[in-house]
Amino acid sequence: MANLLVIAGNTALKAAWSEGTTLGKTFRYQGEKMLDYILSIMEKEKPEVLTIASVSKVSQEEEEILRKECSHLIILDSDHTKYLLKYNIPEYLSSDRAAGIIAARYLFKNKACSIFNLGTTLSVDFIESDGNYSGGNISLGYRTRFKALERYSRVKYSTESIESGIFLGIKFEIEGYLCKNPNNITIFTGGDAIYFAKQMKNSIFVVCNLELVGLAIITDEYVKTIIN
């Protein structure tokens, strides 16, 4: 039986079926009825394990509803951190970032990595060649910077000037990190990953579903423990 993986982010939901560590059909939803959307995915097939990584807390009511739709439920949020303890990741990191780090360790074993998640926020995380997490930062993402200018600025610039300023600001920000870590494997993920990767001179690995790969790894290891 397949497993269902869900990333509930700040503005969108990403989901995928998985067998072991291999992803199958993927889904994307942007709206307020995330629970209803997850339930709709499971209408035709019930997952063996449902794994949800959420930037907001999963309520007790939501947890009870979801447990009825699967054999096993794994929740990763600020109230459910026990599954991540074994991966030696700081508890203050959100579960989606933690999943991305776990995936990078798996895909680029024994390699130091710089992970750039270009979505609602621009998050940057670094792991050493031995897999240890060495820190990270968060700033506003591409579209969030547009919204901030629209809301807080009265300056009348042309659309071209705004687009150029925001794009180059993020590009220079990324290049600054790359210059400080020139030997690291560079990984781009998130909704704007491909757009920015095309503009970079450095060698970039684009893994659009990096976080879902991380959830697949967590889920597969969990399945192996209950089998054994």
C-alpha atoms as a PDB file:
ATOM      1  CA  MET A   1       0.000   0.000   0.000  1.00  0.00           C
ATOM      2  CA  ALA A   2       1.281   3.488  -0.871  1.00  0.00           C
ATOM      3  CA  ASN A   3       2.015   6.295   1.560  1.00  0.00           C
ATOM      4  CA  LEU A   4       0.803   9.888   1.272  1.00  0.00           C
ATOM      5  CA  LEU A   5       3.151  12.791   1.991  1.00  0.00           C
ATOM      6  CA  VAL A   6       1.938  16.338   2.626  1.00  0.00           C
ATOM      7  CA  ILE A   7       3.789  19.641   3.048  1.00  0.00           C
ATOM      8  CA  ALA A   8       1.436  22.343   4.366  1.00  0.00           C
ATOM      9  CA  GLY A   9       3.381  25.553   3.816  1.00  0.00           C
ATOM     10  CA  ASN A  10       2.697  29.242   4.339  1.00  0.00           C
ATOM     11  CA  THR A  11       0.626  29.753   1.198  1.00  0.00           C
ATOM     12  CA  ALA A  12       0.332  26.391  -0.553  1.00  0.00           C
ATOM     13  CA  LEU A  13       0.091  22.661   0.011  1.00  0.00           C
ATOM     14  CA  LYS A  14       2.230  20.095  -1.798  1.00  0.00           C
ATOM     15  CA  ALA A  15       1.510  16.385  -1.648  1.00  0.00           C
ATOM     16  CA  ALA A  16       2.717  13.159  -3.236  1.00  0.00           C
ATOM     17  CA  TRP A  17       2.124   9.440  -3.086  1.00  0.00           C
ATOM     18  CA  SER A  18       5.229   7.396  -2.391  1.00  0.00           C
ATOM     19  CA  GLU A  19       6.501   3.830  -2.430  1.00  0.00           C
ATOM     20  CA  GLY A  20       9.609   3.548  -0.273  1.00  0.00           C
ATOM     21  CA  THR A  21      11.683   6.639  -1.040  1.00  0.00           C
ATOM     22  CA  THR A  22      10.294   6.998  -4.571  1.00  0.00           C
ATOM     23  CA  LEU A  23       7.731   9.719  -5.231  1.00  0.00           C
ATOM     24  CA  GLY A  24       4.682   9.034  -7.362  1.00  0.00           C
ATOM     25  CA  LYS A  25       1.885  11.371  -8.412  1.00  0.00           C
ATOM     26  CA  THR A  26       2.227  14.870  -6.968  1.00  0.00           C
ATOM     27  CA  PHE A  27      -0.383  17.503  -6.136  1.00  0.00           C
ATOM     28  CA  ARG A  28      -0.424  21.224  -5.406  1.00  0.00           C
ATOM     29  CA  TYR A  29      -3.171  23.261  -3.764  1.00  0.00           C
ATOM     30  CA  GLN A  30      -3.372  26.943  -2.898  1.00  0.00           C
ATOM     31  CA  GLY A  31      -6.332  27.864  -0.743  1.00  0.00           C
ATOM     32  CA  GLU A  32      -7.711  27.904   2.772  1.00  0.00           C
ATOM     33  CA  LYS A  33      -9.381  24.460   2.828  1.00  0.00           C
ATOM     34  CA  MET A  34      -6.237  22.373   3.120  1.00  0.00           C
ATOM     35  CA  LEU A  35      -7.817  19.681   5.293  1.00  0.00           C
ATOM     36  CA  ASP A  36     -10.641  19.180   2.796  1.00  0.00           C
ATOM     37  CA  TYR A  37      -8.119  18.935  -0.016  1.00  0.00           C
ATOM     38  CA  ILE A  38      -6.067  16.275   1.817  1.00  0.00           C
ATOM     39  CA  LEU A  39      -9.236  14.264   2.440  1.00  0.00           C
ATOM     40  CA  SER A  40     -10.169  14.542  -1.239  1.00  0.00           C
ATOM     41  CA  ILE A  41      -6.844  12.975  -2.268  1.00  0.00           C
ATOM     42  CA  MET A  42      -7.612   9.980  -0.057  1.00  0.00           C
ATOM     43  CA  GLU A  43     -11.168   9.410  -1.328  1.00  0.00           C
ATOM     44  CA  LYS A  44     -10.189   6.653  -3.785  1.00  0.00           C
ATOM     45  CA  GLU A  45      -7.203   5.207  -1.926  1.00  0.00           C
ATOM     46  CA  LYS A  46      -6.343   5.115   1.768  1.00  0.00           C
ATOM     47  CA  PRO A  47      -2.626   5.426   2.561  1.00  0.00           C
ATOM     48  CA  GLU A  48      -0.721   3.029   4.783  1.00  0.00           C
ATOM     49  CA  VAL A  49       1.093   6.006   6.310  1.00  0.00           C
ATOM     50  CA  LEU A  50       0.010   9.620   6.065  1.00  0.00           C
ATOM     51  CA  THR A  51       2.881  11.988   6.863  1.00  0.00           C
ATOM     52  CA  ILE A  52       2.153  15.686   7.262  1.00  0.00           C
ATOM     53  CA  ALA A  53       4.746  18.412   7.775  1.00  0.00           C
ATOM     54  CA  SER A  54       3.021  21.680   8.617  1.00  0.00           C
ATOM     55  CA  VAL A  55       4.361  25.164   9.313  1.00  0.00           C
ATOM     56  CA  SER A  56       1.274  25.748  11.482  1.00  0.00           C
ATOM     57  CA  LYS A  57       0.065  23.483  14.266  1.00  0.00           C
ATOM     58  CA  VAL A  58      -2.217  20.574  13.402  1.00  0.00           C
ATOM     59  CA  SER A  59      -5.166  20.808  15.774  1.00  0.00           C
ATOM     60  CA  GLN A  60      -6.395  17.872  17.836  1.00  0.00           C
ATOM     61  CA  GLU A  61      -9.645  17.882  15.856  1.00  0.00           C
ATOM     62  CA  GLU A  62      -7.759  17.709  12.549  1.00  0.00           C
ATOM     63  CA  GLU A  63      -5.555  14.929  13.921  1.00  0.00           C
ATOM     64  CA  GLU A  64      -8.582  12.858  14.917  1.00  0.00           C
ATOM     65  CA  ILE A  65     -10.139  13.261  11.466  1.00  0.00           C
ATOM     66  CA  LEU A  66      -6.934  12.268   9.669  1.00  0.00           C
ATOM     67  CA  ARG A  67      -6.272   9.207  11.853  1.00  0.00           C
ATOM     68  CA  LYS A  68      -9.525   7.689  10.609  1.00  0.00           C
ATOM     69  CA  GLU A  69      -8.305   7.873   7.001  1.00  0.00           C
ATOM     70  CA  CYS A  70      -5.017   5.954   7.278  1.00  0.00           C
ATOM     71  CA  SER A  71      -3.358   3.057   9.070  1.00  0.00           C
ATOM     72  CA  HIS A  72      -0.606   5.246  10.550  1.00  0.00           C
ATOM     73  CA  LEU A  73      -0.302   9.010  10.948  1.00  0.00           C
ATOM     74  CA  ILE A  74       2.940  10.990  11.311  1.00  0.00           C
ATOM     75  CA  ILE A  75       2.594  14.673  12.153  1.00  0.00           C
ATOM     76  CA  LEU A  76       5.573  16.996  11.995  1.00  0.00           C
ATOM     77  CA  ASP A  77       4.907  20.449  13.453  1.00  0.00           C
ATOM     78  CA  SER A  78       6.045  22.510  16.439  1.00  0.00           C
ATOM     79  CA  ASP A  79       4.071  20.261  18.802  1.00  0.00           C
ATOM     80  CA  HIS A  80       5.193  16.974  17.214  1.00  0.00           C
ATOM     81  CA  THR A  81       8.985  16.842  17.052  1.00  0.00           C
ATOM     82  CA  LYS A  82       9.792  13.318  18.242  1.00  0.00           C
ATOM     83  CA  TYR A  83      10.184  11.879  14.726  1.00  0.00           C
ATOM     84  CA  LEU A  84      12.880  14.435  13.895  1.00  0.00           C
ATOM     85  CA  LEU A  85      14.996  13.950  17.031  1.00  0.00           C
ATOM     86  CA  LYS A  86      16.869  10.993  15.525  1.00  0.00           C
ATOM     87  CA  TYR A  87      18.029  13.158  12.611  1.00  0.00           C
ATOM     88  CA  ASN A  88      20.021  15.558  14.799  1.00  0.00           C
ATOM     89  CA  ILE A  89      18.266  18.678  13.518  1.00  0.00           C
ATOM     90  CA  PRO A  90      17.651  21.704  15.796  1.00  0.00           C
ATOM     91  CA  GLU A  91      14.097  21.762  17.164  1.00  0.00           C
ATOM     92  CA  TYR A  92      13.643  25.417  16.202  1.00  0.00           C
ATOM     93  CA  LEU A  93      13.692  24.590  12.492  1.00  0.00           C
ATOM     94  CA  SER A  94      10.305  24.196  10.839  1.00  0.00           C
ATOM     95  CA  SER A  95       9.419  20.679   9.750  1.00  0.00           C
ATOM     96  CA  ASP A  96       9.539  21.522   6.036  1.00  0.00           C
ATOM     97  CA  ARG A  97      13.100  22.840   6.338  1.00  0.00           C
ATOM     98  CA  ALA A  98      14.041  19.766   8.390  1.00  0.00           C
ATOM     99  CA  ALA A  99      12.656  17.512   5.636  1.00  0.00           C
ATOM    100  CA  GLY A 100      14.742  19.353   3.040  1.00  0.00           C
ATOM    101  CA  ILE A 101      17.897  18.843   5.096  1.00  0.00           C
ATOM    102  CA  ILE A 102      17.174  15.124   5.502  1.00  0.00           C
ATOM    103  CA  ALA A 103      16.681  14.819   1.733  1.00  0.00           C
ATOM    104  CA  ALA A 104      19.923  16.671   0.965  1.00  0.00           C
ATOM    105  CA  ARG A 105      21.875  14.364   3.275  1.00  0.00           C
ATOM    106  CA  TYR A 106      20.359  11.376   1.456  1.00  0.00           C
ATOM    107  CA  LEU A 107      20.811  12.649  -2.119  1.00  0.00           C
ATOM    108  CA  PHE A 108      24.291  14.110  -1.617  1.00  0.00           C
ATOM    109  CA  LYS A 109      25.800  11.826   0.991  1.00  0.00           C
ATOM    110  CA  ASN A 110      29.170  12.944   2.416  1.00  0.00           C
ATOM    111  CA  LYS A 111      28.902  16.287   0.608  1.00  0.00           C
ATOM    112  CA  ALA A 112      28.632  19.731   2.172  1.00  0.00           C
ATOM    113  CA  CYS A 113      25.472  21.422   0.884  1.00  0.00           C
ATOM    114  CA  SER A 114      23.865  24.851   0.676  1.00  0.00           C
ATOM    115  CA  ILE A 115      20.084  24.546   0.407  1.00  0.00           C
ATOM    116  CA  PHE A 116      18.076  27.482  -0.967  1.00  0.00           C
ATOM    117  CA  ASN A 117      14.295  27.229  -0.685  1.00  0.00           C
ATOM    118  CA  LEU A 118      12.811  29.924  -2.890  1.00  0.00           C
ATOM    119  CA  GLY A 119       9.156  30.229  -1.977  1.00  0.00           C
ATOM    120  CA  THR A 120       7.085  32.553   0.202  1.00  0.00           C
ATOM    121  CA  THR A 121      10.305  33.010   2.131  1.00  0.00           C
ATOM    122  CA  LEU A 122      13.897  32.551   1.024  1.00  0.00           C
ATOM    123  CA  SER A 123      15.350  30.097   3.504  1.00  0.00           C
ATOM    124  CA  VAL A 124      19.002  29.080   3.389  1.00  0.00           C
ATOM    125  CA  ASP A 125      20.400  26.071   5.245  1.00  0.00           C
ATOM    126  CA  PHE A 126      23.897  24.623   5.393  1.00  0.00           C
ATOM    127  CA  ILE A 127      25.051  21.095   6.150  1.00  0.00           C
ATOM    128  CA  GLU A 128      28.619  19.883   6.497  1.00  0.00           C
ATOM    129  CA  SER A 129      30.079  16.869   4.681  1.00  0.00           C
ATOM    130  CA  ASP A 130      29.432  14.739   7.781  1.00  0.00           C
ATOM    131  CA  GLY A 131      25.752  15.712   7.685  1.00  0.00           C
ATOM    132  CA  ASN A 132      25.844  18.109  10.630  1.00  0.00           C
ATOM    133  CA  TYR A 133      23.630  21.171  10.374  1.00  0.00           C
ATOM    134  CA  SER A 134      25.740  24.333  10.564  1.00  0.00           C
ATOM    135  CA  GLY A 135      23.104  27.070  10.457  1.00  0.00           C
ATOM    136  CA  GLY A 136      20.824  29.006   8.182  1.00  0.00           C
ATOM    137  CA  ASN A 137      18.853  32.182   7.569  1.00  0.00           C
ATOM    138  CA  ILE A 138      15.436  33.348   6.383  1.00  0.00           C
ATOM    139  CA  SER A 139      14.461  36.435   4.413  1.00  0.00           C
ATOM    140  CA  LEU A 140      11.479  37.479   2.308  1.00  0.00           C
ATOM    141  CA  GLY A 141      10.775  35.494  -0.851  1.00  0.00           C
ATOM    142  CA  TYR A 142      10.333  36.869  -4.371  1.00  0.00           C
ATOM    143  CA  ARG A 143       6.563  37.392  -4.368  1.00  0.00           C
ATOM    144  CA  THR A 144       6.523  38.431  -0.716  1.00  0.00           C
ATOM    145  CA  ARG A 145       8.889  41.300  -1.535  1.00  0.00           C
ATOM    146  CA  PHE A 146       6.481  42.486  -4.226  1.00  0.00           C
ATOM    147  CA  LYS A 147       3.622  42.421  -1.705  1.00  0.00           C
ATOM    148  CA  ALA A 148       5.695  44.314   0.858  1.00  0.00           C
ATOM    149  CA  LEU A 149       6.510  47.068  -1.660  1.00  0.00           C
ATOM    150  CA  GLU A 150       2.883  47.318  -2.707  1.00  0.00           C
ATOM    151  CA  ARG A 151       1.688  47.573   0.866  1.00  0.00           C
ATOM    152  CA  TYR A 152       4.299  49.783   2.496  1.00  0.00           C
ATOM    153  CA  SER A 153       5.863  51.878  -0.284  1.00  0.00           C
ATOM    154  CA  ARG A 154       4.400  54.950  -1.978  1.00  0.00           C
ATOM    155  CA  VAL A 155       7.326  55.399  -4.326  1.00  0.00           C
ATOM    156  CA  LYS A 156       6.161  55.380  -7.981  1.00  0.00           C
ATOM    157  CA  TYR A 157       8.639  53.194  -9.823  1.00  0.00           C
ATOM    158  CA  SER A 158       8.024  51.480 -13.133  1.00  0.00           C
ATOM    159  CA  THR A 159       7.139  47.790 -13.054  1.00  0.00           C
ATOM    160  CA  GLU A 160      10.470  47.009 -14.747  1.00  0.00           C
ATOM    161  CA  SER A 161      12.403  48.813 -12.011  1.00  0.00           C
ATOM    162  CA  ILE A 162      10.585  46.959  -9.254  1.00  0.00           C
ATOM    163  CA  GLU A 163      11.029  43.556 -10.908  1.00  0.00           C
ATOM    164  CA  SER A 164      14.706  44.236 -11.575  1.00  0.00           C
ATOM    165  CA  GLY A 165      15.348  45.485  -8.046  1.00  0.00           C
ATOM    166  CA  ILE A 166      13.672  42.520  -6.372  1.00  0.00           C
ATOM    167  CA  PHE A 167      15.203  39.945  -8.670  1.00  0.00           C
ATOM    168  CA  LEU A 168      18.729  41.360  -8.465  1.00  0.00           C
ATOM    169  CA  GLY A 169      18.419  41.792  -4.692  1.00  0.00           C
ATOM    170  CA  ILE A 170      17.697  38.081  -4.268  1.00  0.00           C
ATOM    171  CA  LYS A 171      20.296  37.112  -6.880  1.00  0.00           C
ATOM    172  CA  PHE A 172      23.027  39.111  -5.114  1.00  0.00           C
ATOM    173  CA  GLU A 173      21.912  37.682  -1.766  1.00  0.00           C
ATOM    174  CA  ILE A 174      22.295  34.142  -3.103  1.00  0.00           C
ATOM    175  CA  GLU A 175      25.636  34.909  -4.742  1.00  0.00           C
ATOM    176  CA  GLY A 176      26.919  36.226  -1.414  1.00  0.00           C
ATOM    177  CA  TYR A 177      26.202  32.874   0.223  1.00  0.00           C
ATOM    178  CA  LEU A 178      27.770  31.018  -2.699  1.00  0.00           C
ATOM    179  CA  CYS A 179      30.960  33.063  -2.401  1.00  0.00           C
ATOM    180  CA  LYS A 180      31.232  32.183   1.302  1.00  0.00           C
ATOM    181  CA  ASN A 181      30.701  28.476   0.586  1.00  0.00           C
ATOM    182  CA  PRO A 182      32.262  27.916  -2.851  1.00  0.00           C
ATOM    183  CA  ASN A 183      32.879  24.184  -2.376  1.00  0.00           C
ATOM    184  CA  ASN A 184      29.375  23.301  -1.242  1.00  0.00           C
ATOM    185  CA  ILE A 185      26.862  21.470  -3.406  1.00  0.00           C
ATOM    186  CA  THR A 186      24.190  24.091  -4.185  1.00  0.00           C
ATOM    187  CA  ILE A 187      20.573  22.945  -4.117  1.00  0.00           C
ATOM    188  CA  PHE A 188      17.612  25.076  -5.196  1.00  0.00           C
ATOM    189  CA  THR A 189      14.070  24.076  -4.283  1.00  0.00           C
ATOM    190  CA  GLY A 190      10.704  25.801  -3.945  1.00  0.00           C
ATOM    191  CA  GLY A 191       8.314  27.444  -6.375  1.00  0.00           C
ATOM    192  CA  ASP A 192      10.815  29.945  -7.805  1.00  0.00           C
ATOM    193  CA  ALA A 193      13.796  27.564  -7.916  1.00  0.00           C
ATOM    194  CA  ILE A 194      13.898  27.020 -11.676  1.00  0.00           C
ATOM    195  CA  TYR A 195      13.462  30.725 -12.428  1.00  0.00           C
ATOM    196  CA  PHE A 196      16.484  31.728 -10.361  1.00  0.00           C
ATOM    197  CA  ALA A 197      18.610  28.706 -11.272  1.00  0.00           C
ATOM    198  CA  LYS A 198      18.475  29.753 -14.937  1.00  0.00           C
ATOM    199  CA  GLN A 199      20.021  33.095 -14.023  1.00  0.00           C
ATOM    200  CA  MET A 200      22.945  31.756 -11.999  1.00  0.00           C
ATOM    201  CA  LYS A 201      26.413  31.125 -13.388  1.00  0.00           C
ATOM    202  CA  ASN A 202      27.214  28.532 -10.724  1.00  0.00           C
ATOM    203  CA  SER A 203      26.397  24.854 -11.054  1.00  0.00           C
ATOM    204  CA  ILE A 204      23.014  24.346  -9.393  1.00  0.00           C
ATOM    205  CA  PHE A 205      21.022  21.215  -8.555  1.00  0.00           C
ATOM    206  CA  VAL A 206      17.295  21.959  -8.790  1.00  0.00           C
ATOM    207  CA  VAL A 207      15.232  19.507  -6.722  1.00  0.00           C
ATOM    208  CA  CYS A 208      11.707  20.898  -6.839  1.00  0.00           C
ATOM    209  CA  ASN A 209      10.276  18.279  -4.469  1.00  0.00           C
ATOM    210  CA  LEU A 210      13.189  18.191  -2.030  1.00  0.00           C
ATOM    211  CA  GLU A 211      10.974  18.424   1.073  1.00  0.00           C
ATOM    212  CA  LEU A 212       8.677  15.648  -0.167  1.00  0.00           C
ATOM    213  CA  VAL A 213      11.742  13.451  -0.736  1.00  0.00           C
ATOM    214  CA  GLY A 214      12.675  14.119   2.898  1.00  0.00           C
ATOM    215  CA  LEU A 215       9.212  13.066   4.034  1.00  0.00           C
ATOM    216  CA  ALA A 216       9.482   9.911   1.925  1.00  0.00           C
ATOM    217  CA  ILE A 217      12.740   9.042   3.715  1.00  0.00           C
ATOM    218  CA  ILE A 218      11.213   9.659   7.156  1.00  0.00           C
ATOM    219  CA  THR A 219       8.143   7.606   6.253  1.00  0.00           C
ATOM    220  CA  ASP A 220      10.125   4.733   4.760  1.00  0.00           C
ATOM    221  CA  GLU A 221      12.294   4.474   7.875  1.00  0.00           C
ATOM    222  CA  TYR A 222       9.173   4.543  10.045  1.00  0.00           C
ATOM    223  CA  VAL A 223       7.610   1.709   8.011  1.00  0.00           C
ATOM    224  CA  LYS A 224      10.757  -0.370   8.451  1.00  0.00           C
ATOM    225  CA  THR A 225      10.568   0.041  12.239  1.00  0.00           C
ATOM    226  CA  ILE A 226       6.959  -1.136  12.470  1.00  0.00           C
ATOM    227  CA  ILE A 227       7.703  -4.120  10.193  1.00  0.00           C
ATOM    228  CA  ASN A 228      10.677  -5.117  12.325  1.00  0.00           C
END
